[in-house]
Structures are given as C-alpha cells and as structure tokens.
C-alpha cells in the first residue's frame, strides 16, 4: 500500500517497514499457520503497537489465515537469555537429580 504523500516521514518509514515485514510474515503464516507472530527484538520494541497494527492489516489482505501480530517487551537479547536459562536448567538437572548417569566424554 503506497504511503500518503501527506504522511510524516516516520509514518512513511513505518509503512515501508510494515510492507517488507508483511511479505516475510505472510510466507511463514502460509506454511506454518502459527496463529500468532511476535515482532521481536529492537524492531518490535521500536515499532511497537503502531508497527504491529500495520503488519496485521497487511497480512489480513495477503492471507485468509487469521494471524495475531504482537510486539515483544524482551529486547534484542531474548534469545541469548533463553539459551542461558535453558543451559542453567540442564546443568542443575545434571548436578542435582538423584541417580547414576553415565559420564559423557567429549
């Protein structure tokens, strides 16, 4: 959808970004049908609900599958934080779960 000539530079930027994101998101939706897509990291935080709404509108025109679009509040290091928490949980399980475990040699 072309931006309005009277739109502010910020609105034109969000429209252009939403156009690009919607193409990728619609491709994922067509294959996986996730029902909900989260705009993560710094892009999701910076664009906020305004960007999510624009992406949601574009996806609704591109696919018949109902898809919710949300933004994250976790920031750019969410994947790293999740990996660290998973590693910690596995280490605790290995160290503190009763029973013998074979020693793994690397």
N, C-alpha and C. Protein backbone atom coordinates (compact mmCIF):
# COMPACT_ATOMS: atom_id res chain seq x y z
N UNK A 1 0.85 -1.15 0.00
CA UNK A 1 0.00 0.00 0.00
C UNK A 1 0.90 1.23 0.00
N UNK A 2 0.79 2.09 -1.00
CA UNK A 2 1.65 3.27 -1.06
C UNK A 2 1.30 4.27 0.04
N UNK A 3 2.33 4.87 0.64
CA UNK A 3 2.06 5.84 1.70
C UNK A 3 1.43 7.10 1.14
N UNK A 4 0.67 7.76 1.97
CA UNK A 4 0.05 9.02 1.59
C UNK A 4 1.13 10.08 1.42
N UNK A 5 1.02 10.93 0.39
CA UNK A 5 2.02 11.98 0.21
C UNK A 5 2.08 12.95 1.38
N UNK A 6 0.98 13.07 2.11
CA UNK A 6 0.95 14.00 3.23
C UNK A 6 1.42 13.34 4.54
N UNK A 7 1.76 12.05 4.49
CA UNK A 7 2.20 11.35 5.70
C UNK A 7 3.54 11.88 6.17
N UNK A 8 3.76 11.80 7.46
CA UNK A 8 5.04 12.24 8.02
C UNK A 8 6.14 11.26 7.60
N UNK A 9 7.40 11.68 7.67
CA UNK A 9 8.49 10.75 7.35
C UNK A 9 8.45 9.49 8.22
N UNK A 10 8.09 9.64 9.49
CA UNK A 10 8.01 8.47 10.37
C UNK A 10 6.91 7.51 9.91
N UNK A 11 5.77 8.04 9.52
CA UNK A 11 4.67 7.20 9.05
C UNK A 11 5.06 6.50 7.75
N UNK A 12 5.74 7.21 6.85
CA UNK A 12 6.18 6.59 5.60
C UNK A 12 7.19 5.48 5.87
N UNK A 13 8.08 5.71 6.83
CA UNK A 13 9.05 4.68 7.20
C UNK A 13 8.35 3.45 7.75
N UNK A 14 7.39 3.64 8.68
CA UNK A 14 6.66 2.51 9.25
C UNK A 14 5.88 1.75 8.18
N UNK A 15 5.29 2.48 7.23
CA UNK A 15 4.57 1.83 6.14
C UNK A 15 5.51 0.96 5.30
N UNK A 16 6.67 1.50 4.96
CA UNK A 16 7.64 0.75 4.15
C UNK A 16 8.14 -0.47 4.91
N UNK A 17 8.43 -0.31 6.19
CA UNK A 17 8.89 -1.43 7.01
C UNK A 17 7.79 -2.48 7.15
N UNK A 18 6.56 -2.05 7.38
CA UNK A 18 5.44 -2.98 7.50
C UNK A 18 5.23 -3.75 6.20
N UNK A 19 5.39 -3.08 5.06
CA UNK A 19 5.26 -3.78 3.77
C UNK A 19 6.27 -4.92 3.67
N UNK A 20 7.50 -4.63 4.04
CA UNK A 20 8.56 -5.65 3.93
C UNK A 20 8.36 -6.78 4.93
N UNK A 21 8.03 -6.42 6.16
CA UNK A 21 7.80 -7.45 7.17
C UNK A 21 6.62 -8.34 6.80
N UNK A 22 5.57 -7.73 6.28
CA UNK A 22 4.35 -8.49 5.96
C UNK A 22 4.62 -9.56 4.91
N UNK A 23 5.48 -9.28 3.96
CA UNK A 23 5.79 -10.29 2.94
C UNK A 23 6.43 -11.52 3.59
N UNK A 24 7.40 -11.29 4.47
CA UNK A 24 8.04 -12.41 5.16
C UNK A 24 7.10 -13.13 6.11
N UNK A 25 6.34 -12.36 6.86
CA UNK A 25 5.41 -12.96 7.81
C UNK A 25 4.33 -13.76 7.08
N UNK A 26 3.81 -13.24 5.99
CA UNK A 26 2.78 -13.96 5.23
C UNK A 26 3.33 -15.28 4.70
N UNK A 27 4.59 -15.31 4.33
CA UNK A 27 5.21 -16.56 3.86
C UNK A 27 5.25 -17.59 4.98
N UNK A 28 5.64 -17.16 6.16
CA UNK A 28 5.68 -18.06 7.31
C UNK A 28 4.28 -18.53 7.68
N UNK A 29 3.33 -17.62 7.66
CA UNK A 29 1.94 -17.94 8.01
C UNK A 29 1.37 -18.97 7.02
N UNK A 30 1.69 -18.81 5.75
CA UNK A 30 1.17 -19.73 4.74
C UNK A 30 1.66 -21.16 4.96
N UNK A 31 2.88 -21.30 5.48
CA UNK A 31 3.45 -22.63 5.66
C UNK A 31 3.13 -23.20 7.04
N UNK A 32 3.28 -22.40 8.09
CA UNK A 32 3.16 -22.90 9.45
C UNK A 32 1.82 -22.63 10.14
N UNK A 33 1.08 -21.63 9.68
CA UNK A 33 -0.18 -21.22 10.31
C UNK A 33 -0.03 -21.11 11.83
N UNK A 34 0.86 -20.21 12.30
CA UNK A 34 1.13 -20.14 13.74
C UNK A 34 0.02 -19.52 14.58
N UNK A 35 -0.86 -18.74 13.96
CA UNK A 35 -1.92 -18.09 14.73
C UNK A 35 -1.47 -16.80 15.40
N UNK A 36 -0.18 -16.72 15.75
CA UNK A 36 0.36 -15.52 16.37
C UNK A 36 1.81 -15.35 15.94
N UNK A 37 2.17 -14.14 15.57
CA UNK A 37 3.54 -13.81 15.19
C UNK A 37 3.99 -12.69 16.11
N UNK A 38 5.20 -12.82 16.64
CA UNK A 38 5.75 -11.80 17.54
C UNK A 38 6.87 -11.07 16.81
N UNK A 39 6.73 -9.75 16.74
CA UNK A 39 7.80 -8.92 16.19
C UNK A 39 8.78 -8.69 17.32
N UNK A 40 9.90 -9.37 17.25
CA UNK A 40 10.82 -9.39 18.37
C UNK A 40 11.97 -8.42 18.25
N UNK A 41 12.75 -8.41 19.29
CA UNK A 41 13.96 -7.62 19.33
C UNK A 41 13.71 -6.13 19.27
N UNK A 42 14.72 -5.44 18.79
CA UNK A 42 14.67 -3.99 18.78
C UNK A 42 13.65 -3.44 17.78
N UNK A 43 13.43 -4.17 16.68
CA UNK A 43 12.44 -3.72 15.70
C UNK A 43 11.05 -3.74 16.32
N UNK A 44 10.72 -4.82 17.01
CA UNK A 44 9.41 -4.92 17.66
C UNK A 44 9.23 -3.88 18.74
N UNK A 45 10.28 -3.65 19.52
CA UNK A 45 10.18 -2.64 20.57
C UNK A 45 10.06 -1.24 20.00
N UNK A 46 10.88 -0.93 19.00
CA UNK A 46 10.88 0.43 18.44
C UNK A 46 9.58 0.73 17.70
N UNK A 47 9.09 -0.25 16.94
CA UNK A 47 7.85 -0.03 16.18
C UNK A 47 6.62 -0.11 17.03
N UNK A 48 6.66 -0.92 18.06
CA UNK A 48 5.55 -1.05 18.99
C UNK A 48 4.25 -1.47 18.35
N UNK A 49 3.18 -1.12 19.00
CA UNK A 49 1.84 -1.50 18.54
C UNK A 49 1.50 -0.84 17.21
N UNK A 50 2.08 0.32 16.95
CA UNK A 50 1.83 1.00 15.66
C UNK A 50 2.32 0.14 14.50
N UNK A 51 3.52 -0.39 14.61
CA UNK A 51 4.06 -1.26 13.56
C UNK A 51 3.30 -2.57 13.50
N UNK A 52 3.00 -3.15 14.65
CA UNK A 52 2.26 -4.42 14.68
C UNK A 52 0.91 -4.27 13.99
N UNK A 53 0.22 -3.17 14.23
CA UNK A 53 -1.07 -2.95 13.59
C UNK A 53 -0.96 -2.84 12.08
N UNK A 54 0.07 -2.17 11.62
CA UNK A 54 0.27 -2.04 10.17
C UNK A 54 0.59 -3.38 9.54
N UNK A 55 1.43 -4.17 10.20
CA UNK A 55 1.75 -5.51 9.68
C UNK A 55 0.50 -6.37 9.70
N UNK A 56 -0.27 -6.30 10.78
CA UNK A 56 -1.50 -7.08 10.91
C UNK A 56 -2.47 -6.76 9.77
N UNK A 57 -2.64 -5.48 9.45
CA UNK A 57 -3.54 -5.07 8.37
C UNK A 57 -3.09 -5.63 7.03
N UNK A 58 -1.79 -5.59 6.78
CA UNK A 58 -1.26 -6.07 5.51
C UNK A 58 -1.40 -7.59 5.39
N UNK A 59 -1.13 -8.30 6.47
CA UNK A 59 -1.26 -9.76 6.45
C UNK A 59 -2.71 -10.16 6.20
N UNK A 60 -3.63 -9.43 6.80
CA UNK A 60 -5.05 -9.75 6.61
C UNK A 60 -5.45 -9.65 5.14
N UNK A 61 -4.79 -8.79 4.40
CA UNK A 61 -5.08 -8.67 2.96
C UNK A 61 -4.33 -9.72 2.13
N UNK A 62 -3.29 -10.32 2.72
CA UNK A 62 -2.44 -11.25 1.96
C UNK A 62 -2.80 -12.71 2.17
N UNK A 63 -3.43 -13.04 3.29
CA UNK A 63 -3.71 -14.45 3.59
C UNK A 63 -5.06 -14.57 4.29
N UNK A 64 -5.79 -15.64 4.02
CA UNK A 64 -7.07 -15.83 4.70
C UNK A 64 -6.92 -16.39 6.11
N UNK A 65 -5.70 -16.78 6.49
CA UNK A 65 -5.48 -17.37 7.81
C UNK A 65 -5.45 -16.27 8.88
N UNK A 66 -6.27 -16.39 9.91
CA UNK A 66 -6.27 -15.36 10.95
C UNK A 66 -4.96 -15.42 11.73
N UNK A 67 -4.29 -14.28 11.81
CA UNK A 67 -2.98 -14.22 12.47
C UNK A 67 -2.89 -12.98 13.34
N UNK A 68 -2.61 -13.22 14.59
CA UNK A 68 -2.40 -12.13 15.53
C UNK A 68 -0.95 -11.65 15.38
N UNK A 69 -0.72 -10.36 15.47
CA UNK A 69 0.64 -9.81 15.41
C UNK A 69 0.86 -9.03 16.69
N UNK A 70 1.91 -9.40 17.42
CA UNK A 70 2.22 -8.74 18.69
C UNK A 70 3.67 -8.27 18.68
N UNK A 71 3.99 -7.42 19.62
CA UNK A 71 5.37 -6.99 19.77
C UNK A 71 5.92 -7.53 21.09
N UNK A 72 7.22 -7.63 21.15
CA UNK A 72 7.87 -8.15 22.33
C UNK A 72 8.21 -7.04 23.32
N UNK A 73 8.40 -7.43 24.53
CA UNK A 73 8.89 -6.49 25.54
C UNK A 73 10.25 -6.95 26.07
N UNK A 74 10.81 -7.99 25.45
CA UNK A 74 12.03 -8.60 25.98
C UNK A 74 13.32 -7.96 25.47
N UNK A 75 13.29 -7.29 24.36
CA UNK A 75 14.51 -6.68 23.85
C UNK A 75 15.29 -7.60 22.94
N UNK A 76 16.44 -7.10 22.49
CA UNK A 76 17.24 -7.80 21.50
C UNK A 76 17.96 -9.03 22.00
N UNK A 77 18.12 -9.18 23.31
CA UNK A 77 18.87 -10.32 23.81
C UNK A 77 17.98 -11.44 24.34
N UNK A 78 16.74 -11.50 23.90
CA UNK A 78 15.81 -12.50 24.40
C UNK A 78 16.27 -13.92 24.08
N UNK A 79 16.81 -14.14 22.89
CA UNK A 79 17.26 -15.49 22.52
C UNK A 79 18.44 -15.90 23.39
N UNK A 80 19.38 -14.99 23.59
CA UNK A 80 20.53 -15.28 24.45
C UNK A 80 20.07 -15.60 25.87
N UNK A 81 19.16 -14.81 26.39
CA UNK A 81 18.65 -15.05 27.74
C UNK A 81 17.97 -16.41 27.84
N UNK A 82 17.20 -16.76 26.83
CA UNK A 82 16.55 -18.07 26.81
C UNK A 82 17.55 -19.21 26.77
N UNK A 83 18.60 -19.05 25.97
CA UNK A 83 19.63 -20.08 25.89
C UNK A 83 20.35 -20.24 27.22
N UNK A 84 20.65 -19.13 27.88
CA UNK A 84 21.32 -19.20 29.19
C UNK A 84 20.44 -19.88 30.23
N UNK A 85 19.15 -19.55 30.23
CA UNK A 85 18.24 -20.19 31.18
C UNK A 85 18.12 -21.69 30.92
N UNK A 86 18.07 -22.07 29.66
CA UNK A 86 18.00 -23.49 29.31
C UNK A 86 19.27 -24.22 29.75
N UNK A 87 20.43 -23.61 29.50
CA UNK A 87 21.70 -24.22 29.92
C UNK A 87 21.75 -24.37 31.44
N UNK A 88 21.31 -23.34 32.16
CA UNK A 88 21.30 -23.40 33.62
C UNK A 88 20.39 -24.52 34.12
N UNK A 89 19.20 -24.63 33.53
CA UNK A 89 18.26 -25.68 33.94
C UNK A 89 18.83 -27.07 33.70
N UNK A 90 19.48 -27.25 32.56
CA UNK A 90 20.08 -28.57 32.26
C UNK A 90 21.23 -28.89 33.20
N UNK A 91 22.04 -27.88 33.49
CA UNK A 91 23.16 -28.10 34.42
C UNK A 91 22.64 -28.47 35.80
N UNK A 92 21.61 -27.77 36.28
CA UNK A 92 21.03 -28.10 37.58
C UNK A 92 20.47 -29.51 37.58
N UNK A 93 19.82 -29.88 36.51
CA UNK A 93 19.25 -31.23 36.42
C UNK A 93 20.35 -32.28 36.46
N UNK A 94 21.42 -32.06 35.72
CA UNK A 94 22.53 -33.00 35.70
C UNK A 94 23.19 -33.11 37.07
N UNK A 95 23.36 -31.99 37.74
CA UNK A 95 24.09 -31.98 39.01
C UNK A 95 23.26 -32.45 40.20
N UNK A 96 21.98 -32.15 40.20
CA UNK A 96 21.19 -32.35 41.40
C UNK A 96 20.10 -33.40 41.29
N UNK A 97 19.97 -34.08 40.16
CA UNK A 97 18.98 -35.14 40.04
C UNK A 97 19.59 -36.44 40.56
N UNK A 98 18.89 -37.10 41.51
CA UNK A 98 19.44 -38.35 42.05
C UNK A 98 19.50 -39.44 40.98
N UNK A 99 20.40 -40.36 41.18
CA UNK A 99 20.54 -41.47 40.25
C UNK A 99 21.85 -41.36 39.51
N UNK A 100 22.30 -42.50 39.04
CA UNK A 100 23.59 -42.51 38.33
C UNK A 100 23.37 -42.17 36.86
N UNK A 101 24.30 -41.44 36.36
CA UNK A 101 24.29 -41.09 34.95
C UNK A 101 25.64 -41.46 34.38
N UNK A 102 25.65 -41.97 33.18
CA UNK A 102 26.96 -42.28 32.58
C UNK A 102 27.73 -41.00 32.34
N UNK A 103 29.04 -41.07 32.48
CA UNK A 103 29.89 -39.93 32.23
C UNK A 103 30.04 -39.76 30.72
N UNK A 104 29.76 -38.57 30.25
CA UNK A 104 29.91 -38.30 28.81
C UNK A 104 31.30 -37.78 28.54
N UNK A 105 31.95 -38.36 27.61
CA UNK A 105 33.28 -37.90 27.21
C UNK A 105 33.14 -37.10 25.92
N UNK A 106 33.71 -35.94 25.89
CA UNK A 106 33.60 -35.06 24.72
C UNK A 106 34.65 -35.39 23.78
